[in-house]
Amino acid sequence: VVDFLPKIKIELVINDDLVERVIETIQQVAHTGRIGDGKIFV
């Protein structure tokens, strides 16, 4: 049984004016439409 699946954690600190653009970029590019695509925390 594999309990934990391999993932990648990306961390970055940015100016407030870039937040929405960065979120949209990560969301669009990381999206596969399958379960386990991940989460974004701000």
PDB file of all heavy atoms in Angstrom:
ATOM      1  N   VAL A   1       0.840  -1.190   0.000  1.00  0.00           N
ATOM      2  CA  VAL A   1       0.000   0.000   0.000  1.00  0.00           C
ATOM      3  C   VAL A   1       0.878   1.244   0.000  1.00  0.00           C
ATOM      4  O   VAL A   1       1.827   1.349   0.775  1.00  0.00           O
ATOM      5  CB  VAL A   1      -0.923   0.014   1.246  1.00  0.00           C
ATOM      6  CG1 VAL A   1      -1.713   1.307   1.316  1.00  0.00           C
ATOM      7  CG2 VAL A   1      -1.849  -1.186   1.214  1.00  0.00           C
ATOM      8  N   VAL A   2       0.557   2.197  -0.870  1.00  0.00           N
ATOM      9  CA  VAL A   2       1.249   3.470  -0.922  1.00  0.00           C
ATOM     10  C   VAL A   2       0.326   4.501  -0.275  1.00  0.00           C
ATOM     11  O   VAL A   2      -0.721   4.835  -0.815  1.00  0.00           O
ATOM     12  CB  VAL A   2       1.568   3.881  -2.375  1.00  0.00           C
ATOM     13  CG1 VAL A   2       2.220   5.252  -2.415  1.00  0.00           C
ATOM     14  CG2 VAL A   2       2.446   2.832  -3.043  1.00  0.00           C
ATOM     15  N   ASP A   3       0.691   4.951   0.927  1.00  0.00           N
ATOM     16  CA  ASP A   3      -0.132   5.912   1.662  1.00  0.00           C
ATOM     17  C   ASP A   3       0.112   7.343   1.218  1.00  0.00           C
ATOM     18  O   ASP A   3      -0.801   8.152   1.191  1.00  0.00           O
ATOM     19  CB  ASP A   3       0.143   5.817   3.169  1.00  0.00           C
ATOM     20  CG  ASP A   3      -0.458   4.571   3.778  1.00  0.00           C
ATOM     21  OD1 ASP A   3      -1.532   4.150   3.327  1.00  0.00           O
ATOM     22  OD2 ASP A   3       0.156   4.027   4.710  1.00  0.00           O
ATOM     23  N   PHE A   4       1.346   7.672   0.926  1.00  0.00           N
ATOM     24  CA  PHE A   4       1.708   9.037   0.574  1.00  0.00           C
ATOM     25  C   PHE A   4       2.202   9.088  -0.861  1.00  0.00           C
ATOM     26  O   PHE A   4       3.060   8.308  -1.252  1.00  0.00           O
ATOM     27  CB  PHE A   4       2.785   9.572   1.522  1.00  0.00           C
ATOM     28  CG  PHE A   4       2.330   9.643   2.949  1.00  0.00           C
ATOM     29  CD1 PHE A   4       2.684   8.660   3.853  1.00  0.00           C
ATOM     30  CD2 PHE A   4       1.521  10.676   3.378  1.00  0.00           C
ATOM     31  CE1 PHE A   4       2.257   8.720   5.161  1.00  0.00           C
ATOM     32  CE2 PHE A   4       1.084  10.744   4.681  1.00  0.00           C
ATOM     33  CZ  PHE A   4       1.449   9.768   5.576  1.00  0.00           C
ATOM     34  N   LEU A   5       1.661  10.030  -1.611  1.00  0.00           N
ATOM     35  CA  LEU A   5       2.022  10.158  -3.016  1.00  0.00           C
ATOM     36  C   LEU A   5       3.056  11.273  -3.197  1.00  0.00           C
ATOM     37  O   LEU A   5       3.008  12.288  -2.501  1.00  0.00           O
ATOM     38  CB  LEU A   5       0.770  10.489  -3.830  1.00  0.00           C
ATOM     39  CG  LEU A   5      -0.347   9.454  -3.695  1.00  0.00           C
ATOM     40  CD1 LEU A   5      -1.608   9.957  -4.364  1.00  0.00           C
ATOM     41  CD2 LEU A   5       0.090   8.135  -4.302  1.00  0.00           C
ATOM     42  N   PRO A   6       3.985  11.109  -4.144  1.00  0.00           N
ATOM     43  CA  PRO A   6       4.992  12.148  -4.364  1.00  0.00           C
ATOM     44  C   PRO A   6       4.348  13.400  -4.945  1.00  0.00           C
ATOM     45  O   PRO A   6       3.523  13.335  -5.856  1.00  0.00           O
ATOM     46  CB  PRO A   6       5.965  11.506  -5.354  1.00  0.00           C
ATOM     47  CG  PRO A   6       5.212  10.403  -5.999  1.00  0.00           C
ATOM     48  CD  PRO A   6       4.163   9.965  -5.022  1.00  0.00           C
ATOM     49  N   LYS A   7       4.732  14.536  -4.409  1.00  0.00           N
ATOM     50  CA  LYS A   7       4.249  15.844  -4.856  1.00  0.00           C
ATOM     51  C   LYS A   7       5.425  16.813  -4.867  1.00  0.00           C
ATOM     52  O   LYS A   7       6.491  16.521  -4.332  1.00  0.00           O
ATOM     53  CB  LYS A   7       3.166  16.398  -3.921  1.00  0.00           C
ATOM     54  CG  LYS A   7       1.929  15.530  -3.785  1.00  0.00           C
ATOM     55  CD  LYS A   7       1.086  15.595  -5.022  1.00  0.00           C
ATOM     56  CE  LYS A   7      -0.173  14.770  -4.840  1.00  0.00           C
ATOM     57  NZ  LYS A   7      -1.040  14.858  -5.997  1.00  0.00           N
ATOM     58  N   ILE A   8       5.212  17.968  -5.444  1.00  0.00           N
ATOM     59  CA  ILE A   8       6.197  19.044  -5.440  1.00  0.00           C
ATOM     60  C   ILE A   8       5.573  20.239  -4.737  1.00  0.00           C
ATOM     61  O   ILE A   8       4.425  20.595  -5.002  1.00  0.00           O
ATOM     62  CB  ILE A   8       6.596  19.444  -6.877  1.00  0.00           C
ATOM     63  CG1 ILE A   8       7.338  18.310  -7.575  1.00  0.00           C
ATOM     64  CG2 ILE A   8       7.419  20.727  -6.890  1.00  0.00           C
ATOM     65  CD1 ILE A   8       8.704  17.988  -7.000  1.00  0.00           C
ATOM     66  N   LYS A   9       6.339  20.862  -3.850  1.00  0.00           N
ATOM     67  CA  LYS A   9       5.885  22.071  -3.171  1.00  0.00           C
ATOM     68  C   LYS A   9       6.713  23.237  -3.697  1.00  0.00           C
ATOM     69  O   LYS A   9       7.941  23.219  -3.627  1.00  0.00           O
ATOM     70  CB  LYS A   9       6.068  21.936  -1.659  1.00  0.00           C
ATOM     71  CG  LYS A   9       5.627  23.147  -0.877  1.00  0.00           C
ATOM     72  CD  LYS A   9       5.823  22.864   0.611  1.00  0.00           C
ATOM     73  CE  LYS A   9       5.437  24.018   1.480  1.00  0.00           C
ATOM     74  NZ  LYS A   9       5.690  23.718   2.894  1.00  0.00           N
ATOM     75  N   ILE A  10       6.010  24.227  -4.240  1.00  0.00           N
ATOM     76  CA  ILE A  10       6.648  25.448  -4.743  1.00  0.00           C
ATOM     77  C   ILE A  10       6.330  26.560  -3.756  1.00  0.00           C
ATOM     78  O   ILE A  10       5.180  26.730  -3.364  1.00  0.00           O
ATOM     79  CB  ILE A  10       6.098  25.826  -6.132  1.00  0.00           C
ATOM     80  CG1 ILE A  10       6.393  24.721  -7.133  1.00  0.00           C
ATOM     81  CG2 ILE A  10       6.685  27.154  -6.596  1.00  0.00           C
ATOM     82  CD1 ILE A  10       5.684  24.913  -8.452  1.00  0.00           C
ATOM     83  N   GLU A  11       7.366  27.312  -3.359  1.00  0.00           N
ATOM     84  CA  GLU A  11       7.165  28.442  -2.450  1.00  0.00           C
ATOM     85  C   GLU A  11       7.766  29.689  -3.073  1.00  0.00           C
ATOM     86  O   GLU A  11       8.866  29.647  -3.622  1.00  0.00           O
ATOM     87  CB  GLU A  11       7.849  28.175  -1.111  1.00  0.00           C
ATOM     88  CG  GLU A  11       7.309  26.972  -0.364  1.00  0.00           C
ATOM     89  CD  GLU A  11       8.115  26.681   0.884  1.00  0.00           C
ATOM     90  OE1 GLU A  11       7.786  27.256   1.937  1.00  0.00           O
ATOM     91  OE2 GLU A  11       9.068  25.902   0.786  1.00  0.00           O
ATOM     92  N   LEU A  12       7.032  30.802  -2.976  1.00  0.00           N
ATOM     93  CA  LEU A  12       7.568  32.075  -3.423  1.00  0.00           C
ATOM     94  C   LEU A  12       6.935  33.211  -2.643  1.00  0.00           C
ATOM     95  O   LEU A  12       5.798  33.115  -2.205  1.00  0.00           O
ATOM     96  CB  LEU A  12       7.380  32.287  -4.922  1.00  0.00           C
ATOM     97  CG  LEU A  12       6.171  31.712  -5.616  1.00  0.00           C
ATOM     98  CD1 LEU A  12       5.119  32.746  -5.823  1.00  0.00           C
ATOM     99  CD2 LEU A  12       6.641  31.191  -6.944  1.00  0.00           C
ATOM    100  N   VAL A  13       7.714  34.242  -2.421  1.00  0.00           N
ATOM    101  CA  VAL A  13       7.224  35.448  -1.757  1.00  0.00           C
ATOM    102  C   VAL A  13       7.263  36.557  -2.799  1.00  0.00           C
ATOM    103  O   VAL A  13       8.292  36.776  -3.441  1.00  0.00           O
ATOM    104  CB  VAL A  13       8.084  35.809  -0.529  1.00  0.00           C
ATOM    105  CG1 VAL A  13       7.609  37.110   0.087  1.00  0.00           C
ATOM    106  CG2 VAL A  13       8.033  34.680   0.500  1.00  0.00           C
ATOM    107  N   ILE A  14       6.113  37.234  -2.959  1.00  0.00           N
ATOM    108  CA  ILE A  14       5.983  38.211  -4.033  1.00  0.00           C
ATOM    109  C   ILE A  14       5.269  39.472  -3.541  1.00  0.00           C
ATOM    110  O   ILE A  14       4.631  39.465  -2.490  1.00  0.00           O
ATOM    111  CB  ILE A  14       5.207  37.616  -5.232  1.00  0.00           C
ATOM    112  CG1 ILE A  14       3.822  37.121  -4.778  1.00  0.00           C
ATOM    113  CG2 ILE A  14       5.992  36.512  -5.889  1.00  0.00           C
ATOM    114  CD1 ILE A  14       2.942  36.644  -5.906  1.00  0.00           C
ATOM    115  N   ASN A  15       5.374  40.527  -4.338  1.00  0.00           N
ATOM    116  CA  ASN A  15       4.639  41.762  -4.062  1.00  0.00           C
ATOM    117  C   ASN A  15       3.147  41.501  -4.255  1.00  0.00           C
ATOM    118  O   ASN A  15       2.743  40.682  -5.081  1.00  0.00           O
ATOM    119  CB  ASN A  15       5.081  42.875  -5.008  1.00  0.00           C
ATOM    120  CG  ASN A  15       6.505  43.297  -4.746  1.00  0.00           C
ATOM    121  OD1 ASN A  15       6.963  43.294  -3.614  1.00  0.00           O
ATOM    122  ND2 ASN A  15       7.204  43.651  -5.805  1.00  0.00           N
ATOM    123  N   ASP A  16       2.327  42.228  -3.526  1.00  0.00           N
ATOM    124  CA  ASP A  16       0.876  42.043  -3.579  1.00  0.00           C
ATOM    125  C   ASP A  16       0.306  42.187  -4.987  1.00  0.00           C
ATOM    126  O   ASP A  16      -0.648  41.511  -5.343  1.00  0.00           O
ATOM    127  CB  ASP A  16       0.175  43.036  -2.640  1.00  0.00           C
ATOM    128  CG  ASP A  16       0.388  42.699  -1.174  1.00  0.00           C
ATOM    129  OD1 ASP A  16       0.657  41.519  -0.862  1.00  0.00           O
ATOM    130  OD2 ASP A  16       0.288  43.612  -0.339  1.00  0.00           O
ATOM    131  N   ASP A  17       0.905  43.054  -5.793  1.00  0.00           N
ATOM    132  CA  ASP A  17       0.344  43.301  -7.126  1.00  0.00           C
ATOM    133  C   ASP A  17       0.523  42.127  -8.093  1.00  0.00           C
ATOM    134  O   ASP A  17      -0.118  42.086  -9.142  1.00  0.00           O
ATOM    135  CB  ASP A  17       0.929  44.585  -7.731  1.00  0.00           C
ATOM    136  CG  ASP A  17       2.445  44.555  -7.836  1.00  0.00           C
ATOM    137  OD1 ASP A  17       3.091  43.806  -7.085  1.00  0.00           O
ATOM    138  OD2 ASP A  17       2.984  45.302  -8.679  1.00  0.00           O
ATOM    139  N   LEU A  18       1.337  41.153  -7.752  1.00  0.00           N
ATOM    140  CA  LEU A  18       1.551  39.986  -8.617  1.00  0.00           C
ATOM    141  C   LEU A  18       0.743  38.760  -8.206  1.00  0.00           C
ATOM    142  O   LEU A  18       0.726  37.764  -8.927  1.00  0.00           O
ATOM    143  CB  LEU A  18       3.038  39.606  -8.628  1.00  0.00           C
ATOM    144  CG  LEU A  18       4.000  40.581  -9.291  1.00  0.00           C
ATOM    145  CD1 LEU A  18       5.433  40.125  -9.070  1.00  0.00           C
ATOM    146  CD2 LEU A  18       3.701  40.681 -10.772  1.00  0.00           C
ATOM    147  N   VAL A  19       0.084  38.823  -7.072  1.00  0.00           N
ATOM    148  CA  VAL A  19      -0.549  37.634  -6.492  1.00  0.00           C
ATOM    149  C   VAL A  19      -1.538  36.970  -7.446  1.00  0.00           C
ATOM    150  O   VAL A  19      -1.437  35.766  -7.715  1.00  0.00           O
ATOM    151  CB  VAL A  19      -1.232  37.963  -5.148  1.00  0.00           C
ATOM    152  CG1 VAL A  19      -2.056  36.792  -4.652  1.00  0.00           C
ATOM    153  CG2 VAL A  19      -0.191  38.348  -4.117  1.00  0.00           C
ATOM    154  N   GLU A  20      -2.486  37.706  -7.954  1.00  0.00           N
ATOM    155  CA  GLU A  20      -3.514  37.106  -8.817  1.00  0.00           C
ATOM    156  C   GLU A  20      -2.919  36.518 -10.088  1.00  0.00           C
ATOM    157  O   GLU A  20      -3.321  35.435 -10.525  1.00  0.00           O
ATOM    158  CB  GLU A  20      -4.618  38.110  -9.141  1.00  0.00           C
ATOM    159  CG  GLU A  20      -5.478  38.461  -7.941  1.00  0.00           C
ATOM    160  CD  GLU A  20      -6.058  37.251  -7.216  1.00  0.00           C
ATOM    161  OE1 GLU A  20      -6.556  36.321  -7.895  1.00  0.00           O
ATOM    162  OE2 GLU A  20      -6.010  37.228  -5.971  1.00  0.00           O
ATOM    163  N   ARG A  21      -1.953  37.202 -10.648  1.00  0.00           N
ATOM    164  CA  ARG A  21      -1.311  36.699 -11.882  1.00  0.00           C
ATOM    165  C   ARG A  21      -0.567  35.390 -11.628  1.00  0.00           C
ATOM    166  O   ARG A  21      -0.623  34.466 -12.437  1.00  0.00           O
ATOM    167  CB  ARG A  21      -0.368  37.767 -12.420  1.00  0.00           C
ATOM    168  CG  ARG A  21       0.119  37.478 -13.801  1.00  0.00           C
ATOM    169  CD  ARG A  21       0.716  38.711 -14.416  1.00  0.00           C
ATOM    170  NE  ARG A  21       1.208  38.376 -15.742  1.00  0.00           N
ATOM    171  CZ  ARG A  21       2.110  39.083 -16.372  1.00  0.00           C
ATOM    172  NH1 ARG A  21       2.603  40.159 -15.828  1.00  0.00           N
ATOM    173  NH2 ARG A  21       2.516  38.725 -17.560  1.00  0.00           N
ATOM    174  N   VAL A  22       0.127  35.306 -10.492  1.00  0.00           N
ATOM    175  CA  VAL A  22       0.864  34.091 -10.146  1.00  0.00           C
ATOM    176  C   VAL A  22      -0.107  32.944  -9.881  1.00  0.00           C
ATOM    177  O   VAL A  22       0.091  31.817 -10.357  1.00  0.00           O
ATOM    178  CB  VAL A  22       1.787  34.336  -8.929  1.00  0.00           C
ATOM    179  CG1 VAL A  22       2.346  33.033  -8.397  1.00  0.00           C
ATOM    180  CG2 VAL A  22       2.918  35.278  -9.320  1.00  0.00           C
ATOM    181  N   ILE A  23      -1.177  33.216  -9.139  1.00  0.00           N
ATOM    182  CA  ILE A  23      -2.172  32.175  -8.854  1.00  0.00           C
ATOM    183  C   ILE A  23      -2.771  31.643 -10.152  1.00  0.00           C
ATOM    184  O   ILE A  23      -2.868  30.427 -10.354  1.00  0.00           O
ATOM    185  CB  ILE A  23      -3.278  32.717  -7.924  1.00  0.00           C
ATOM    186  CG1 ILE A  23      -2.719  32.959  -6.531  1.00  0.00           C
ATOM    187  CG2 ILE A  23      -4.455  31.752  -7.864  1.00  0.00           C
ATOM    188  CD1 ILE A  23      -3.671  33.701  -5.607  1.00  0.00           C
ATOM    189  N   GLU A  24      -3.180  32.545 -11.038  1.00  0.00           N
ATOM    190  CA  GLU A  24      -3.768  32.132 -12.311  1.00  0.00           C
ATOM    191  C   GLU A  24      -2.786  31.290 -13.129  1.00  0.00           C
ATOM    192  O   GLU A  24      -3.170  30.290 -13.732  1.00  0.00           O
ATOM    193  CB  GLU A  24      -4.199  33.353 -13.120  1.00  0.00           C
ATOM    194  CG  GLU A  24      -5.411  34.056 -12.559  1.00  0.00           C
ATOM    195  CD  GLU A  24      -5.707  35.378 -13.264  1.00  0.00           C
ATOM    196  OE1 GLU A  24      -5.118  35.635 -14.348  1.00  0.00           O
ATOM    197  OE2 GLU A  24      -6.520  36.143 -12.723  1.00  0.00           O
ATOM    198  N   THR A  25      -1.538  31.707 -13.152  1.00  0.00           N
ATOM    199  CA  THR A  25      -0.521  30.979 -13.914  1.00  0.00           C
ATOM    200  C   THR A  25      -0.343  29.569 -13.381  1.00  0.00           C
ATOM    201  O   THR A  25      -0.369  28.596 -14.143  1.00  0.00           O
ATOM    202  CB  THR A  25       0.823  31.738 -13.881  1.00  0.00           C
ATOM    203  OG1 THR A  25       0.638  33.030 -14.473  1.00  0.00           O
ATOM    204  CG2 THR A  25       1.903  30.981 -14.629  1.00  0.00           C
ATOM    205  N   ILE A  26      -0.160  29.440 -12.075  1.00  0.00           N
ATOM    206  CA  ILE A  26       0.026  28.111 -11.483  1.00  0.00           C
ATOM    207  C   ILE A  26      -1.201  27.256 -11.720  1.00  0.00           C
ATOM    208  O   ILE A  26      -1.106  26.084 -12.104  1.00  0.00           O
ATOM    209  CB  ILE A  26       0.350  28.210  -9.978  1.00  0.00           C
ATOM    210  CG1 ILE A  26       1.701  28.893  -9.763  1.00  0.00           C
ATOM    211  CG2 ILE A  26       0.345  26.818  -9.336  1.00  0.00           C
ATOM    212  CD1 ILE A  26       2.006  29.244  -8.315  1.00  0.00           C
ATOM    213  N   GLN A  27      -2.366  27.827 -11.497  1.00  0.00           N
ATOM    214  CA  GLN A  27      -3.614  27.085 -11.642  1.00  0.00           C
ATOM    215  C   GLN A  27      -3.794  26.569 -13.075  1.00  0.00           C
ATOM    216  O   GLN A  27      -4.139  25.410 -13.286  1.00  0.00           O
ATOM    217  CB  GLN A  27      -4.775  27.980 -11.246  1.00  0.00           C
ATOM    218  CG  GLN A  27      -6.067  27.246 -10.992  1.00  0.00           C
ATOM    219  CD  GLN A  27      -7.107  28.158 -10.358  1.00  0.00           C
ATOM    220  OE1 GLN A  27      -6.978  29.379 -10.372  1.00  0.00           O
ATOM    221  NE2 GLN A  27      -8.130  27.560  -9.810  1.00  0.00           N
ATOM    222  N   GLN A  28      -3.542  27.412 -14.056  1.00  0.00           N
ATOM    223  CA  GLN A  28      -3.713  27.006 -15.452  1.00  0.00           C
ATOM    224  C   GLN A  28      -2.700  25.949 -15.870  1.00  0.00           C
ATOM    225  O   GLN A  28      -3.040  24.975 -16.533  1.00  0.00           O
ATOM    226  CB  GLN A  28      -3.599  28.220 -16.374  1.00  0.00           C
ATOM    227  CG  GLN A  28      -4.775  29.153 -16.289  1.00  0.00           C
ATOM    228  CD  GLN A  28      -4.567  30.434 -17.101  1.00  0.00           C
ATOM    229  OE1 GLN A  28      -3.532  30.616 -17.736  1.00  0.00           O
ATOM    230  NE2 GLN A  28      -5.542  31.318 -17.051  1.00  0.00           N
ATOM    231  N   VAL A  29      -1.448  26.142 -15.474  1.00  0.00           N
ATOM    232  CA  VAL A  29      -0.387  25.253 -15.948  1.00  0.00           C
ATOM    233  C   VAL A  29      -0.378  23.918 -15.206  1.00  0.00           C
ATOM    234  O   VAL A  29      -0.097  22.873 -15.801  1.00  0.00           O
ATOM    235  CB  VAL A  29       0.990  25.956 -15.842  1.00  0.00           C
ATOM    236  CG1 VAL A  29       2.112  25.037 -16.261  1.00  0.00           C
ATOM    237  CG2 VAL A  29       0.997  27.218 -16.687  1.00  0.00           C
ATOM    238  N   ALA A  30      -0.699  23.920 -13.929  1.00  0.00           N
ATOM    239  CA  ALA A  30      -0.671  22.679 -13.140  1.00  0.00           C
ATOM    240  C   ALA A  30      -1.939  21.847 -13.308  1.00  0.00           C
ATOM    241  O   ALA A  30      -1.972  20.672 -12.938  1.00  0.00           O
ATOM    242  CB  ALA A  30      -0.448  22.998 -11.663  1.00  0.00           C
ATOM    243  N   HIS A  31      -2.970  22.422 -13.890  1.00  0.00           N
ATOM    244  CA  HIS A  31      -4.264  21.740 -14.029  1.00  0.00           C
ATOM    245  C   HIS A  31      -4.193  20.584 -15.019  1.00  0.00           C
ATOM    246  O   HIS A  31      -3.714  20.745 -16.141  1.00  0.00           O
ATOM    247  CB  HIS A  31      -5.311  22.750 -14.505  1.00  0.00           C
ATOM    248  CG  HIS A  31      -6.654  22.155 -14.713  1.00  0.00           C
ATOM    249  ND1 HIS A  31      -7.083  21.725 -15.938  1.00  0.00           N
ATOM    250  CD2 HIS A  31      -7.663  21.905 -13.840  1.00  0.00           C
ATOM    251  CE1 HIS A  31      -8.309  21.239 -15.820  1.00  0.00           C
ATOM    252  NE2 HIS A  31      -8.685  21.341 -14.562  1.00  0.00           N
ATOM    253  N   THR A  32      -4.647  19.401 -14.586  1.00  0.00           N
ATOM    254  CA  THR A  32      -4.785  18.247 -15.482  1.00  0.00           C
ATOM    255  C   THR A  32      -6.240  17.806 -15.552  1.00  0.00           C
ATOM    256  O   THR A  32      -6.606  17.038 -16.427  1.00  0.00           O
ATOM    257  CB  THR A  32      -3.944  17.046 -15.006  1.00  0.00           C
ATOM    258  OG1 THR A  32      -4.469  16.546 -13.780  1.00  0.00           O
ATOM    259  CG2 THR A  32      -2.479  17.408 -14.858  1.00  0.00           C
ATOM    260  N   GLY A  33      -7.046  18.261 -14.593  1.00  0.00           N
ATOM    261  CA  GLY A  33      -8.437  17.848 -14.546  1.00  0.00           C
ATOM    262  C   GLY A  33      -8.665  16.558 -13.788  1.00  0.00           C
ATOM    263  O   GLY A  33      -9.785  16.069 -13.701  1.00  0.00           O
ATOM    264  N   ARG A  34      -7.607  16.020 -13.231  1.00  0.00           N
ATOM    265  CA  ARG A  34      -7.715  14.762 -12.482  1.00  0.00           C
ATOM    266  C   ARG A  34      -7.529  15.020 -11.000  1.00  0.00           C
ATOM    267  O   ARG A  34      -6.895  15.999 -10.598  1.00  0.00           O
ATOM    268  CB  ARG A  34      -6.668  13.753 -12.966  1.00  0.00           C
ATOM    269  CG  ARG A  34      -6.835  13.447 -14.423  1.00  0.00           C
ATOM    270  CD  ARG A  34      -5.760  12.499 -14.895  1.00  0.00           C
ATOM    271  NE  ARG A  34      -6.364  11.694 -15.940  1.00  0.00           N
ATOM    272  CZ  ARG A  34      -6.502  10.389 -15.880  1.00  0.00           C
ATOM    273  NH1 ARG A  34      -6.037   9.712 -14.867  1.00  0.00           N
ATOM    274  NH2 ARG A  34      -7.081   9.741 -16.869  1.00  0.00           N
ATOM    275  N   ILE A  35      -8.032  14.125 -10.205  1.00  0.00           N
ATOM    276  CA  ILE A  35      -7.884  14.247  -8.763  1.00  0.00           C
ATOM    277  C   ILE A  35      -6.398  14.282  -8.412  1.00  0.00           C
ATOM    278  O   ILE A  35      -5.582  13.609  -9.047  1.00  0.00           O
ATOM    279  CB  ILE A  35      -8.626  13.103  -8.038  1.00  0.00           C
ATOM    280  CG1 ILE A  35      -8.774  13.427  -6.570  1.00  0.00           C
ATOM    281  CG2 ILE A  35      -7.964  11.781  -8.272  1.00  0.00           C
ATOM    282  CD1 ILE A  35      -9.788  12.562  -5.856  1.00  0.00           C
ATOM    283  N   GLY A  36      -6.035  15.116  -7.448  1.00  0.00           N
ATOM    284  CA  GLY A  36      -4.640  15.215  -7.033  1.00  0.00           C
ATOM    285  C   GLY A  36      -3.856  16.312  -7.729  1.00  0.00           C
ATOM    286  O   GLY A  36      -2.633  16.359  -7.628  1.00  0.00           O
ATOM    287  N   ASP A  37      -4.547  17.203  -8.457  1.00  0.00           N
ATOM    288  CA  ASP A  37      -3.845  18.308  -9.123  1.00  0.00           C
ATOM    289  C   ASP A  37      -3.131  19.210  -8.129  1.00  0.00           C
ATOM    290  O   ASP A  37      -2.133  19.820  -8.452  1.00  0.00           O
ATOM    291  CB  ASP A  37      -4.817  19.145  -9.949  1.00  0.00           C
ATOM    292  CG  ASP A  37      -5.001  18.606 -11.357  1.00  0.00           C
ATOM    293  OD1 ASP A  37      -4.285  17.674 -11.747  1.00  0.00           O
ATOM    294  OD2 ASP A  37      -5.873  19.141 -12.063  1.00  0.00           O
ATOM    295  N   GLY A  38      -3.638  19.295  -6.900  1.00  0.00           N
ATOM    296  CA  GLY A  38      -2.933  20.044  -5.868  1.00  0.00           C
ATOM    297  C   GLY A  38      -3.731  21.194  -5.301  1.00  0.00           C
ATOM    298  O   GLY A  38      -4.932  21.339  -5.539  1.00  0.00           O
ATOM    299  N   LYS A  39      -3.038  22.038  -4.550  1.00  0.00           N
ATOM    300  CA  LYS A  39      -3.636  23.182  -3.868  1.00  0.00           C
ATOM    301  C   LYS A  39      -2.675  24.362  -3.947  1.00  0.00           C
ATOM    302  O   LYS A  39      -1.474  24.202  -4.092  1.00  0.00           O
ATOM    303  CB  LYS A  39      -3.874  22.882  -2.381  1.00  0.00           C
ATOM    304  CG  LYS A  39      -4.781  21.709  -2.083  1.00  0.00           C
ATOM    305  CD  LYS A  39      -6.231  22.118  -2.144  1.00  0.00           C
ATOM    306  CE  LYS A  39      -7.160  21.043  -1.645  1.00  0.00           C
ATOM    307  NZ  LYS A  39      -7.486  20.014  -2.581  1.00  0.00           N
ATOM    308  N   ILE A  40      -3.261  25.567  -3.806  1.00  0.00           N
ATOM    309  CA  ILE A  40      -2.466  26.792  -3.704  1.00  0.00           C
ATOM    310  C   ILE A  40      -2.867  27.481  -2.409  1.00  0.00           C
ATOM    311  O   ILE A  40      -4.056  27.677  -2.150  1.00  0.00           O
ATOM    312  CB  ILE A  40      -2.725  27.731  -4.897  1.00  0.00           C
ATOM    313  CG1 ILE A  40      -2.337  27.044  -6.217  1.00  0.00           C
ATOM    314  CG2 ILE A  40      -1.952  29.043  -4.728  1.00  0.00           C
ATOM    315  CD1 ILE A  40      -2.740  27.821  -7.456  1.00  0.00           C
ATOM    316  N   PHE A  41      -1.877  27.837  -1.606  1.00  0.00           N
ATOM    317  CA  PHE A  41      -2.108  28.525  -0.336  1.00  0.00           C
ATOM    318  C   PHE A  41      -1.470  29.911  -0.404  1.00  0.00           C
ATOM    319  O   PHE A  41      -0.333  30.052  -0.859  1.00  0.00           O
ATOM    320  CB  PHE A  41      -1.488  27.752   0.834  1.00  0.00           C
ATOM    321  CG  PHE A  41      -1.964  26.328   0.918  1.00  0.00           C
ATOM    322  CD1 PHE A  41      -1.237  25.293   0.337  1.00  0.00           C
ATOM    323  CD2 PHE A  41      -3.137  26.017   1.583  1.00  0.00           C
ATOM    324  CE1 PHE A  41      -1.669  23.983   0.408  1.00  0.00           C
ATOM    325  CE2 PHE A  41      -3.575  24.703   1.668  1.00  0.00           C
ATOM    326  CZ  PHE A  41      -2.845  23.688   1.079  1.00  0.00           C
ATOM    327  N   VAL A  42      -2.192  30.931   0.047  1.00  0.00           N
ATOM    328  CA  VAL A  42      -1.683  32.302   0.035  1.00  0.00           C
ATOM    329  C   VAL A  42      -1.740  32.836   1.461  1.00  0.00           C
ATOM    330  O   VAL A  42      -2.792  32.805   2.094  1.00  0.00           O
ATOM    331  CB  VAL A  42      -2.518  33.203  -0.894  1.00  0.00           C
ATOM    332  CG1 VAL A  42      -1.956  34.619  -0.904  1.00  0.00           C
ATOM    333  CG2 VAL A  42      -2.570  32.630  -2.305  1.00  0.00           C
TER     334      VAL A  42
END
